[in-house]
C-alpha atoms as a PDB file:
ATOM      1  CA  UNK A   1      23.329 -13.125  82.903  1.00  0.00           C
ATOM      2  CA  UNK A   2      26.036 -11.219  84.757  1.00  0.00           C
ATOM      3  CA  UNK A   3      28.129 -10.939  81.568  1.00  0.00           C
ATOM      4  CA  UNK A   4      25.098  -9.605  79.698  1.00  0.00           C
ATOM      5  CA  UNK A   5      24.461  -6.935  82.349  1.00  0.00           C
ATOM      6  CA  UNK A   6      28.119  -5.853  82.442  1.00  0.00           C
ATOM      7  CA  UNK A   7      28.332  -5.434  78.673  1.00  0.00           C
ATOM      8  CA  UNK A   8      24.874  -3.864  78.425  1.00  0.00           C
ATOM      9  CA  UNK A   9      25.748  -1.229  81.029  1.00  0.00           C
ATOM     10  CA  UNK A  10      28.931  -0.296  79.181  1.00  0.00           C
ATOM     11  CA  UNK A  11      27.234  -0.168  75.774  1.00  0.00           C
ATOM     12  CA  UNK A  12      24.400   1.979  77.153  1.00  0.00           C
ATOM     13  CA  UNK A  13      26.907   4.382  78.737  1.00  0.00           C
ATOM     14  CA  UNK A  14      28.735   4.652  75.423  1.00  0.00           C
ATOM     15  CA  UNK A  15      25.541   5.378  73.517  1.00  0.00           C
ATOM     16  CA  UNK A  16      24.514   7.912  76.181  1.00  0.00           C
ATOM     17  CA  UNK A  17      27.742   9.787  75.409  1.00  0.00           C
ATOM     18  CA  UNK A  18      26.169  10.615  72.042  1.00  0.00           C
ATOM     19  CA  UNK A  19      23.401  12.658  73.706  1.00  0.00           C
ATOM     20  CA  UNK A  20      25.292  15.987  73.937  1.00  0.00           C
ATOM     21  CA  UNK A  21      26.065  15.941  70.212  1.00  0.00           C
ATOM     22  CA  UNK A  22      22.477  14.987  69.419  1.00  0.00           C
ATOM     23  CA  UNK A  23      21.042  17.787  71.595  1.00  0.00           C
ATOM     24  CA  UNK A  24      23.438  20.408  70.208  1.00  0.00           C
ATOM     25  CA  UNK A  25      22.332  19.628  66.650  1.00  0.00           C
ATOM     26  CA  UNK A  26      18.619  19.384  67.476  1.00  0.00           C
ATOM     27  CA  UNK A  27      18.739  22.762  69.269  1.00  0.00           C
ATOM     28  CA  UNK A  28      20.577  24.200  66.222  1.00  0.00           C
ATOM     29  CA  UNK A  29      23.598  25.222  68.275  1.00  0.00           C
ATOM     30  CA  UNK A  30      25.673  23.103  65.908  1.00  0.00           C
ATOM     31  CA  UNK A  31      25.145  21.688  62.440  1.00  0.00           C
ATOM     32  CA  UNK A  32      25.446  17.977  61.729  1.00  0.00           C
ATOM     33  CA  UNK A  33      28.089  18.660  59.053  1.00  0.00           C
ATOM     34  CA  UNK A  34      30.377  20.261  61.639  1.00  0.00           C
ATOM     35  CA  UNK A  35      31.115  16.789  62.964  1.00  0.00           C
ATOM     36  CA  UNK A  36      33.790  16.550  60.238  1.00  0.00           C
ATOM     37  CA  UNK A  37      36.032  18.770  62.386  1.00  0.00           C
ATOM     38  CA  UNK A  38      35.760  16.312  65.256  1.00  0.00           C
ATOM     39  CA  UNK A  39      36.321  13.410  62.841  1.00  0.00           C
ATOM     40  CA  UNK A  40      39.633  14.972  61.806  1.00  0.00           C
ATOM     41  CA  UNK A  41      40.638  15.375  65.462  1.00  0.00           C
ATOM     42  CA  UNK A  42      39.714  11.743  66.117  1.00  0.00           C
ATOM     43  CA  UNK A  43      41.481  10.350  63.044  1.00  0.00           C
ATOM     44  CA  UNK A  44      44.749  12.255  63.351  1.00  0.00           C
ATOM     45  CA  UNK A  45      45.072  12.736  67.121  1.00  0.00           C
ATOM     46  CA  UNK A  46      42.824  10.538  69.270  1.00  0.00           C
ATOM     47  CA  UNK A  47      43.141   7.186  67.531  1.00  0.00           C
ATOM     48  CA  UNK A  48      46.897   7.310  66.771  1.00  0.00           C
ATOM     49  CA  UNK A  49      47.639   8.148  70.400  1.00  0.00           C
ATOM     50  CA  UNK A  50      45.311   5.394  71.590  1.00  0.00           C
ATOM     51  CA  UNK A  51      47.263   2.930  69.431  1.00  0.00           C
ATOM     52  CA  UNK A  52      50.588   4.409  70.596  1.00  0.00           C
ATOM     53  CA  UNK A  53      49.575   4.310  74.265  1.00  0.00           C
ATOM     54  CA  UNK A  54      48.592   0.644  74.120  1.00  0.00           C
ATOM     55  CA  UNK A  55      51.614  -0.387  72.023  1.00  0.00           C
ATOM     56  CA  UNK A  56      53.947   1.231  74.546  1.00  0.00           C
ATOM     57  CA  UNK A  57      52.508  -1.056  77.220  1.00  0.00           C
ATOM     58  CA  UNK A  58      52.911  -4.298  75.255  1.00  0.00           C
ATOM     59  CA  UNK A  59      55.222  -6.934  76.674  1.00  0.00           C
ATOM     60  CA  UNK A  60      57.054  -8.212  73.608  1.00  0.00           C
ATOM     61  CA  UNK A  61      57.937 -11.864  74.171  1.00  0.00           C
ATOM     62  CA  UNK A  62      57.683 -14.944  71.955  1.00  0.00           C
ATOM     63  CA  UNK A  63      54.087 -15.642  72.977  1.00  0.00           C
ATOM     64  CA  UNK A  64      52.973 -12.035  72.481  1.00  0.00           C
ATOM     65  CA  UNK A  65      54.578 -11.713  69.053  1.00  0.00           C
ATOM     66  CA  UNK A  66      53.095 -15.052  67.970  1.00  0.00           C
ATOM     67  CA  UNK A  67      49.624 -13.962  69.102  1.00  0.00           C
ATOM     68  CA  UNK A  68      49.893 -10.595  67.345  1.00  0.00           C
ATOM     69  CA  UNK A  69      50.979 -12.179  64.065  1.00  0.00           C
ATOM     70  CA  UNK A  70      48.256 -14.824  64.282  1.00  0.00           C
ATOM     71  CA  UNK A  71      45.569 -12.206  64.969  1.00  0.00           C
ATOM     72  CA  UNK A  72      46.808 -10.248  61.937  1.00  0.00           C
ATOM     73  CA  UNK A  73      46.466 -13.389  59.807  1.00  0.00           C
ATOM     74  CA  UNK A  74      42.942 -14.006  61.161  1.00  0.00           C
ATOM     75  CA  UNK A  75      41.944 -10.409  60.416  1.00  0.00           C
ATOM     76  CA  UNK A  76      43.303 -10.637  56.865  1.00  0.00           C
ATOM     77  CA  UNK A  77      41.601 -13.963  56.174  1.00  0.00           C
ATOM     78  CA  UNK A  78      38.260 -12.834  57.591  1.00  0.00           C
ATOM     79  CA  UNK A  79      38.106  -9.697  55.435  1.00  0.00           C
ATOM     80  CA  UNK A  80      38.668 -11.697  52.255  1.00  0.00           C
ATOM     81  CA  UNK A  81      36.133 -14.344  53.282  1.00  0.00           C
ATOM     82  CA  UNK A  82      33.582 -11.633  54.051  1.00  0.00           C
ATOM     83  CA  UNK A  83      34.372 -10.035  50.708  1.00  0.00           C
ATOM     84  CA  UNK A  84      33.404 -13.279  48.983  1.00  0.00           C
ATOM     85  CA  UNK A  85      30.354 -13.791  51.205  1.00  0.00           C
ATOM     86  CA  UNK A  86      28.946 -10.300  50.663  1.00  0.00           C
ATOM     87  CA  UNK A  87      29.480 -10.670  46.927  1.00  0.00           C
ATOM     88  CA  UNK A  88      27.012 -13.563  46.987  1.00  0.00           C
ATOM     89  CA  UNK A  89      24.656 -12.195  49.645  1.00  0.00           C
ATOM     90  CA  UNK A  90      24.080  -8.836  47.918  1.00  0.00           C
ATOM     91  CA  UNK A  91      23.648 -10.116  44.368  1.00  0.00           C
ATOM     92  CA  UNK A  92      19.975  -9.135  44.421  1.00  0.00           C
ATOM     93  CA  UNK A  93      20.782  -5.421  44.690  1.00  0.00           C
ATOM     94  CA  UNK A  94      20.902  -3.966  41.179  1.00  0.00           C
ATOM     95  CA  UNK A  95      22.129  -0.478  42.077  1.00  0.00           C
ATOM     96  CA  UNK A  96      25.943  -0.710  41.912  1.00  0.00           C
ATOM     97  CA  UNK A  97      26.560   2.118  44.397  1.00  0.00           C
ATOM     98  CA  UNK A  98      24.093   0.752  46.933  1.00  0.00           C
ATOM     99  CA  UNK A  99      25.458  -2.775  46.590  1.00  0.00           C
ATOM    100  CA  UNK A 100      29.010  -1.548  47.120  1.00  0.00           C
ATOM    101  CA  UNK A 101      28.000   0.366  50.232  1.00  0.00           C
ATOM    102  CA  UNK A 102      26.061  -2.607  51.585  1.00  0.00           C
ATOM    103  CA  UNK A 103      29.172  -4.770  51.192  1.00  0.00           C
ATOM    104  CA  UNK A 104      31.454  -2.141  52.750  1.00  0.00           C
ATOM    105  CA  UNK A 105      29.141  -1.661  55.739  1.00  0.00           C
ATOM    106  CA  UNK A 106      28.773  -5.427  56.241  1.00  0.00           C
ATOM    107  CA  UNK A 107      32.502  -6.207  56.059  1.00  0.00           C
ATOM    108  CA  UNK A 108      34.089  -3.396  58.070  1.00  0.00           C
ATOM    109  CA  UNK A 109      33.271  -2.473  61.662  1.00  0.00           C
ATOM    110  CA  UNK A 110      33.634   0.442  64.041  1.00  0.00           C
ATOM    111  CA  UNK A 111      36.439  -1.367  65.817  1.00  0.00           C
ATOM    112  CA  UNK A 112      38.512   1.780  66.200  1.00  0.00           C
ATOM    113  CA  UNK A 113      36.108   4.383  67.550  1.00  0.00           C
ATOM    114  CA  UNK A 114      33.727   2.063  69.417  1.00  0.00           C
ATOM    115  CA  UNK A 115      35.315  -1.384  69.714  1.00  0.00           C
ATOM    116  CA  UNK A 116      38.630  -0.364  71.298  1.00  0.00           C
ATOM    117  CA  UNK A 117      37.166   2.009  73.918  1.00  0.00           C
ATOM    118  CA  UNK A 118      34.475  -0.552  74.743  1.00  0.00           C
ATOM    119  CA  UNK A 119      37.065  -3.324  75.136  1.00  0.00           C
ATOM    120  CA  UNK A 120      39.180  -1.112  77.404  1.00  0.00           C
ATOM    121  CA  UNK A 121      36.138  -0.359  79.557  1.00  0.00           C
ATOM    122  CA  UNK A 122      35.118  -4.029  79.885  1.00  0.00           C
ATOM    123  CA  UNK A 123      38.444  -5.925  79.771  1.00  0.00           C
ATOM    124  CA  UNK A 124      40.913  -3.289  81.013  1.00  0.00           C
ATOM    125  CA  UNK A 125      43.531  -1.254  79.125  1.00  0.00           C
ATOM    126  CA  UNK A 126      46.307  -3.760  79.902  1.00  0.00           C
ATOM    127  CA  UNK A 127      44.413  -6.838  78.696  1.00  0.00           C
ATOM    128  CA  UNK A 128      45.784  -8.975  75.893  1.00  0.00           C
ATOM    129  CA  UNK A 129      42.434  -8.691  74.099  1.00  0.00           C
ATOM    130  CA  UNK A 130      42.961  -4.928  73.688  1.00  0.00           C
ATOM    131  CA  UNK A 131      46.433  -5.494  72.193  1.00  0.00           C
ATOM    132  CA  UNK A 132      45.005  -7.957  69.694  1.00  0.00           C
ATOM    133  CA  UNK A 133      42.210  -5.515  68.868  1.00  0.00           C
ATOM    134  CA  UNK A 134      44.819  -2.945  67.866  1.00  0.00           C
ATOM    135  CA  UNK A 135      46.309  -5.424  65.395  1.00  0.00           C
ATOM    136  CA  UNK A 136      42.848  -6.244  64.012  1.00  0.00           C
ATOM    137  CA  UNK A 137      42.233  -2.524  63.623  1.00  0.00           C
ATOM    138  CA  UNK A 138      45.480  -1.868  61.765  1.00  0.00           C
ATOM    139  CA  UNK A 139      44.978  -4.731  59.314  1.00  0.00           C
ATOM    140  CA  UNK A 140      41.356  -3.833  58.587  1.00  0.00           C
ATOM    141  CA  UNK A 141      42.281  -0.142  58.335  1.00  0.00           C
ATOM    142  CA  UNK A 142      44.776  -0.896  55.547  1.00  0.00           C
ATOM    143  CA  UNK A 143      42.208  -3.064  53.760  1.00  0.00           C
ATOM    144  CA  UNK A 144      39.499  -0.419  54.237  1.00  0.00           C
ATOM    145  CA  UNK A 145      41.605   2.082  52.303  1.00  0.00           C
ATOM    146  CA  UNK A 146      42.179  -0.407  49.485  1.00  0.00           C
ATOM    147  CA  UNK A 147      39.379  -2.955  49.146  1.00  0.00           C
ATOM    148  CA  UNK A 148      36.948  -0.674  50.978  1.00  0.00           C
ATOM    149  CA  UNK A 149      37.587   2.256  48.648  1.00  0.00           C
ATOM    150  CA  UNK A 150      37.089   0.004  45.645  1.00  0.00           C
ATOM    151  CA  UNK A 151      33.776  -1.324  46.999  1.00  0.00           C
ATOM    152  CA  UNK A 152      32.456   2.195  47.588  1.00  0.00           C
ATOM    153  CA  UNK A 153      33.705   3.783  44.365  1.00  0.00           C
ATOM    154  CA  UNK A 154      33.806   0.830  41.969  1.00  0.00           C
ATOM    155  CA  UNK A 155      36.966   2.442  40.566  1.00  0.00           C
ATOM    156  CA  UNK A 156      40.379   0.796  40.954  1.00  0.00           C
ATOM    157  CA  UNK A 157      42.081   4.147  40.258  1.00  0.00           C
ATOM    158  CA  UNK A 158      40.583   5.561  43.467  1.00  0.00           C
ATOM    159  CA  UNK A 159      42.606   3.093  45.555  1.00  0.00           C
ATOM    160  CA  UNK A 160      45.709   4.616  47.145  1.00  0.00           C
ATOM    161  CA  UNK A 161      48.283   2.250  48.629  1.00  0.00           C
ATOM    162  CA  UNK A 162      50.166   5.280  49.943  1.00  0.00           C
ATOM    163  CA  UNK A 163      47.194   6.361  52.064  1.00  0.00           C
ATOM    164  CA  UNK A 164      46.652   2.805  53.246  1.00  0.00           C
ATOM    165  CA  UNK A 165      50.211   2.214  54.442  1.00  0.00           C
ATOM    166  CA  UNK A 166      50.830   5.729  55.741  1.00  0.00           C
ATOM    167  CA  UNK A 167      47.709   5.788  57.899  1.00  0.00           C
ATOM    168  CA  UNK A 168      48.160   7.509  61.293  1.00  0.00           C
ATOM    169  CA  UNK A 169      47.278   4.321  63.190  1.00  0.00           C
ATOM    170  CA  UNK A 170      49.852   2.205  61.370  1.00  0.00           C
ATOM    171  CA  UNK A 171      52.576   4.823  61.881  1.00  0.00           C
ATOM    172  CA  UNK A 172      51.630   5.112  65.563  1.00  0.00           C
ATOM    173  CA  UNK A 173      51.828   1.326  65.936  1.00  0.00           C
ATOM    174  CA  UNK A 174      55.353   1.129  64.517  1.00  0.00           C
ATOM    175  CA  UNK A 175      56.457   4.164  66.541  1.00  0.00           C
ATOM    176  CA  UNK A 176      55.109   2.485  69.672  1.00  0.00           C
ATOM    177  CA  UNK A 177      57.020  -0.707  68.901  1.00  0.00           C
ATOM    178  CA  UNK A 178      60.218   1.312  68.348  1.00  0.00           C
ATOM    179  CA  UNK A 179      59.867   3.262  71.603  1.00  0.00           C
ATOM    180  CA  UNK A 180      58.978   0.064  73.444  1.00  0.00           C
ATOM    181  CA  UNK A 181      61.792  -2.154  72.193  1.00  0.00           C
ATOM    182  CA  UNK A 182      64.485   0.550  72.511  1.00  0.00           C
ATOM    183  CA  UNK A 183      63.456   1.233  76.105  1.00  0.00           C
ATOM    184  CA  UNK A 184      62.836   4.937  75.437  1.00  0.00           C
ATOM    185  CA  UNK A 185      59.514   4.697  77.280  1.00  0.00           C
ATOM    186  CA  UNK A 186      61.402   3.698  80.449  1.00  0.00           C
ATOM    187  CA  UNK A 187      63.773   6.688  80.305  1.00  0.00           C
ATOM    188  CA  UNK A 188      61.069   9.164  79.268  1.00  0.00           C
ATOM    189  CA  UNK A 189      57.862   7.923  80.996  1.00  0.00           C
ATOM    190  CA  UNK A 190      56.219  11.249  80.131  1.00  0.00           C
ATOM    191  CA  UNK A 191      55.672   9.827  76.629  1.00  0.00           C
ATOM    192  CA  UNK A 192      53.218   7.289  78.061  1.00  0.00           C
ATOM    193  CA  UNK A 193      51.469   9.985  80.097  1.00  0.00           C
ATOM    194  CA  UNK A 194      51.225  12.325  77.114  1.00  0.00           C
ATOM    195  CA  UNK A 195      49.843   9.664  74.771  1.00  0.00           C
ATOM    196  CA  UNK A 196      47.463   8.518  77.501  1.00  0.00           C
ATOM    197  CA  UNK A 197      45.966  12.002  77.858  1.00  0.00           C
ATOM    198  CA  UNK A 198      45.314  12.327  74.121  1.00  0.00           C
ATOM    199  CA  UNK A 199      44.037   8.762  73.778  1.00  0.00           C
ATOM    200  CA  UNK A 200      41.245   9.689  76.206  1.00  0.00           C
ATOM    201  CA  UNK A 201      39.751  11.800  73.415  1.00  0.00           C
ATOM    202  CA  UNK A 202      38.575   8.759  71.485  1.00  0.00           C
ATOM    203  CA  UNK A 203      35.493   7.674  73.419  1.00  0.00           C
ATOM    204  CA  UNK A 204      33.767  11.038  74.064  1.00  0.00           C
ATOM    205  CA  UNK A 205      34.662  12.546  70.685  1.00  0.00           C
ATOM    206  CA  UNK A 206      33.627   9.487  68.654  1.00  0.00           C
ATOM    207  CA  UNK A 207      30.272   9.287  70.400  1.00  0.00           C
ATOM    208  CA  UNK A 208      29.705  13.042  70.095  1.00  0.00           C
ATOM    209  CA  UNK A 209      30.181  12.635  66.331  1.00  0.00           C
ATOM    210  CA  UNK A 210      27.602   9.845  66.322  1.00  0.00           C
ATOM    211  CA  UNK A 211      25.153  12.026  68.256  1.00  0.00           C
ATOM    212  CA  UNK A 212      25.619  14.894  65.803  1.00  0.00           C
ATOM    213  CA  UNK A 213      24.956  12.589  62.864  1.00  0.00           C
ATOM    214  CA  UNK A 214      21.849  11.202  64.563  1.00  0.00           C
ATOM    215  CA  UNK A 215      20.678  14.757  65.156  1.00  0.00           C
ATOM    216  CA  UNK A 216      20.862  15.453  61.436  1.00  0.00           C
ATOM    217  CA  UNK A 217      18.428  12.711  60.372  1.00  0.00           C
ATOM    218  CA  UNK A 218      14.899  11.692  61.234  1.00  0.00           C
ATOM    219  CA  UNK A 219      15.484   8.944  63.800  1.00  0.00           C
ATOM    220  CA  UNK A 220      12.557   6.749  62.738  1.00  0.00           C
ATOM    221  CA  UNK A 221      13.638   6.895  59.097  1.00  0.00           C
ATOM    222  CA  UNK A 222      16.597   4.681  60.006  1.00  0.00           C
ATOM    223  CA  UNK A 223      14.263   1.749  60.552  1.00  0.00           C
ATOM    224  CA  UNK A 224      12.017   1.993  57.501  1.00  0.00           C
ATOM    225  CA  UNK A 225      14.527   0.501  55.057  1.00  0.00           C
ATOM    226  CA  UNK A 226      14.700  -3.259  54.613  1.00  0.00           C
ATOM    227  CA  UNK A 227      18.299  -2.857  53.423  1.00  0.00           C
ATOM    228  CA  UNK A 228      19.308  -1.382  56.771  1.00  0.00           C
ATOM    229  CA  UNK A 229      17.908  -4.423  58.575  1.00  0.00           C
ATOM    230  CA  UNK A 230      19.649  -6.743  56.108  1.00  0.00           C
ATOM    231  CA  UNK A 231      23.028  -5.063  56.583  1.00  0.00           C
ATOM    232  CA  UNK A 232      22.477  -5.098  60.361  1.00  0.00           C
ATOM    233  CA  UNK A 233      21.656  -8.805  60.254  1.00  0.00           C
ATOM    234  CA  UNK A 234      24.918  -9.578  58.446  1.00  0.00           C
ATOM    235  CA  UNK A 235      27.090  -7.095  60.352  1.00  0.00           C
ATOM    236  CA  UNK A 236      25.767  -7.658  63.879  1.00  0.00           C
ATOM    237  CA  UNK A 237      24.660 -11.302  63.932  1.00  0.00           C
ATOM    238  CA  UNK A 238      25.526 -13.581  61.025  1.00  0.00           C
ATOM    239  CA  UNK A 239      29.183 -12.695  60.527  1.00  0.00           C
ATOM    240  CA  UNK A 240      30.202 -12.437  64.211  1.00  0.00           C
ATOM    241  CA  UNK A 241      28.390 -15.683  65.097  1.00  0.00           C
ATOM    242  CA  UNK A 242      30.029 -17.623  62.254  1.00  0.00           C
ATOM    243  CA  UNK A 243      33.554 -16.247  62.808  1.00  0.00           C
ATOM    244  CA  UNK A 244      33.564 -16.538  66.603  1.00  0.00           C
ATOM    245  CA  UNK A 245      31.998 -20.033  66.418  1.00  0.00           C
ATOM    246  CA  UNK A 246      34.801 -21.264  64.149  1.00  0.00           C
ATOM    247  CA  UNK A 247      37.433 -19.797  66.474  1.00  0.00           C
ATOM    248  CA  UNK A 248      35.625 -21.259  69.502  1.00  0.00           C
ATOM    249  CA  UNK A 249      35.718 -24.749  67.975  1.00  0.00           C
ATOM    250  CA  UNK A 250      39.463 -24.335  67.380  1.00  0.00           C
ATOM    251  CA  UNK A 251      39.875 -23.186  70.988  1.00  0.00           C
ATOM    252  CA  UNK A 252      38.008 -26.215  72.361  1.00  0.00           C
ATOM    253  CA  UNK A 253      39.896 -28.678  70.142  1.00  0.00           C
ATOM    254  CA  UNK A 254      43.315 -27.135  70.808  1.00  0.00           C
ATOM    255  CA  UNK A 255      43.072 -25.356  74.206  1.00  0.00           C
ATOM    256  CA  UNK A 256      46.820 -24.643  74.264  1.00  0.00           C
ATOM    257  CA  UNK A 257      46.953 -23.363  70.706  1.00  0.00           C
ATOM    258  CA  UNK A 258      47.094 -19.840  69.271  1.00  0.00           C
ATOM    259  CA  UNK A 259      43.339 -19.363  69.678  1.00  0.00           C
ATOM    260  CA  UNK A 260      42.871 -18.328  73.301  1.00  0.00           C
ATOM    261  CA  UNK A 261      40.249 -16.415  75.294  1.00  0.00           C
ATOM    262  CA  UNK A 262      41.864 -13.071  74.457  1.00  0.00           C
ATOM    263  CA  UNK A 263      41.583 -13.735  70.722  1.00  0.00           C
ATOM    264  CA  UNK A 264      37.968 -14.872  71.074  1.00  0.00           C
ATOM    265  CA  UNK A 265      37.052 -11.707  72.995  1.00  0.00           C
ATOM    266  CA  UNK A 266      38.920  -9.518  70.512  1.00  0.00           C
ATOM    267  CA  UNK A 267      37.246 -11.212  67.540  1.00  0.00           C
ATOM    268  CA  UNK A 268      33.834 -10.800  69.141  1.00  0.00           C
ATOM    269  CA  UNK A 269      34.331  -7.055  69.613  1.00  0.00           C
ATOM    270  CA  UNK A 270      35.700  -6.622  66.083  1.00  0.00           C
ATOM    271  CA  UNK A 271      32.922  -8.477  64.303  1.00  0.00           C
ATOM    272  CA  UNK A 272      29.994  -7.591  66.594  1.00  0.00           C
ATOM    273  CA  UNK A 273      30.512  -3.830  66.494  1.00  0.00           C
ATOM    274  CA  UNK A 274      28.477  -1.787  64.008  1.00  0.00           C
ATOM    275  CA  UNK A 275      29.399  -0.254  60.668  1.00  0.00           C
ATOM    276  CA  UNK A 276      32.342   2.206  60.837  1.00  0.00           C
ATOM    277  CA  UNK A 277      31.490   5.877  61.193  1.00  0.00           C
ATOM    278  CA  UNK A 278      33.844   6.561  58.274  1.00  0.00           C
ATOM    279  CA  UNK A 279      31.339   5.007  55.838  1.00  0.00           C
ATOM    280  CA  UNK A 280      29.625   8.323  55.112  1.00  0.00           C
ATOM    281  CA  UNK A 281      32.982  10.075  54.629  1.00  0.00           C
ATOM    282  CA  UNK A 282      34.030   7.361  52.172  1.00  0.00           C
ATOM    283  CA  UNK A 283      30.725   7.777  50.318  1.00  0.00           C
ATOM    284  CA  UNK A 284      31.226  11.542  50.024  1.00  0.00           C
ATOM    285  CA  UNK A 285      34.860  11.271  48.991  1.00  0.00           C
ATOM    286  CA  UNK A 286      34.583   8.402  46.514  1.00  0.00           C
ATOM    287  CA  UNK A 287      31.117   8.920  45.039  1.00  0.00           C
ATOM    288  CA  UNK A 288      29.327   6.146  46.909  1.00  0.00           C
ATOM    289  CA  UNK A 289      25.781   5.809  48.229  1.00  0.00           C
ATOM    290  CA  UNK A 290      25.832   8.569  50.868  1.00  0.00           C
ATOM    291  CA  UNK A 291      22.234   8.077  51.996  1.00  0.00           C
ATOM    292  CA  UNK A 292      22.762   4.348  52.441  1.00  0.00           C
ATOM    293  CA  UNK A 293      26.012   4.958  54.335  1.00  0.00           C
ATOM    294  CA  UNK A 294      24.292   7.139  56.940  1.00  0.00           C
ATOM    295  CA  UNK A 295      21.338   4.765  57.286  1.00  0.00           C
ATOM    296  CA  UNK A 296      23.510   1.633  57.633  1.00  0.00           C
ATOM    297  CA  UNK A 297      25.922   3.269  60.068  1.00  0.00           C
ATOM    298  CA  UNK A 298      23.371   4.768  62.417  1.00  0.00           C
ATOM    299  CA  UNK A 299      20.954   1.832  62.121  1.00  0.00           C
ATOM    300  CA  UNK A 300      23.575  -0.792  63.008  1.00  0.00           C
ATOM    301  CA  UNK A 301      24.904   1.396  65.825  1.00  0.00           C
ATOM    302  CA  UNK A 302      21.507   1.705  67.491  1.00  0.00           C
ATOM    303  CA  UNK A 303      20.707  -2.007  67.067  1.00  0.00           C
ATOM    304  CA  UNK A 304      24.135  -3.029  68.411  1.00  0.00           C
ATOM    305  CA  UNK A 305      23.060  -1.827  71.868  1.00  0.00           C
ATOM    306  CA  UNK A 306      21.076  -5.072  72.085  1.00  0.00           C
ATOM    307  CA  UNK A 307      23.176  -7.449  69.959  1.00  0.00           C
ATOM    308  CA  UNK A 308      26.631  -6.863  71.506  1.00  0.00           C
ATOM    309  CA  UNK A 309      25.596  -7.742  75.097  1.00  0.00           C
ATOM    310  CA  UNK A 310      23.677 -10.808  73.866  1.00  0.00           C
ATOM    311  CA  UNK A 311      26.615 -12.170  71.843  1.00  0.00           C
ATOM    312  CA  UNK A 312      29.079 -11.388  74.634  1.00  0.00           C
ATOM    313  CA  UNK A 313      27.003 -13.223  77.233  1.00  0.00           C
ATOM    314  CA  UNK A 314      26.620 -16.238  74.887  1.00  0.00           C
ATOM    315  CA  UNK A 315      30.390 -16.388  74.339  1.00  0.00           C
ATOM    316  CA  UNK A 316      31.018 -16.219  78.086  1.00  0.00           C
ATOM    317  CA  UNK A 317      28.816 -19.298  78.550  1.00  0.00           C
ATOM    318  CA  UNK A 318      31.276 -21.329  76.442  1.00  0.00           C
ATOM    319  CA  UNK A 319      34.482 -19.969  77.996  1.00  0.00           C
END
């Protein structure tokens, strides 16, 4: 029960951070579409510096490197398994655009803008789980700009490997490794302070964006679509329960193996968080189902207030 309360409090605080954006849009001081400016700030400043800040603090030893590589392999495998699963589970949807968006929103999560800040708040910035989350985020980010783009657009020509591998987060990760291993961070500690200041943008800005998007739609309309509930069921319950259960079995059978508590906590956050806020941007840019993207994103985000604490408390019972 204590684990449930701890996670619930943090999730509620995060959602409450969306209130200013929501109020500003509802009072017509801002327009919902103006959130794109904040999205740019988040994508090219906040998130890269959050990745850089955490990578600078990594302790690179044999165990750490092994864990990072294993978590990358898990992330890669899970995306492809979910790709196959959603292909079967959304066969009944005849509209190609809607089906593609349902698959995108079921496979990918808001690990970057919600998962990482939430993990830092609950587990601590220096925890191994946060480091593994960064790796999960980088792998899924690359796949989002390849497989994700294809799911949304249905067009292979829309996929850009250049954009995928030159993403700000990936570049920040490699820069962090370079500065870490060369010892530059020790001689110029101001780098850590500077990146830390800018990384603090992520939580308030990401939730302000969510609030602005919520302010631009009729709140109750989010819960009138059966498809939104179906995507939420897959994204928030079915997929995280299956993936974390498999990893938990491996942890119990091989307690000294590569699957440890940090990986289990990281996997839970990755797969229990809602649809990524970038879904609507992808829909606009690549000709996807924009209405479905907004509904799935906001619907899963609101429902995750209840599902994340429940799943977290259940996992804690087995650890």
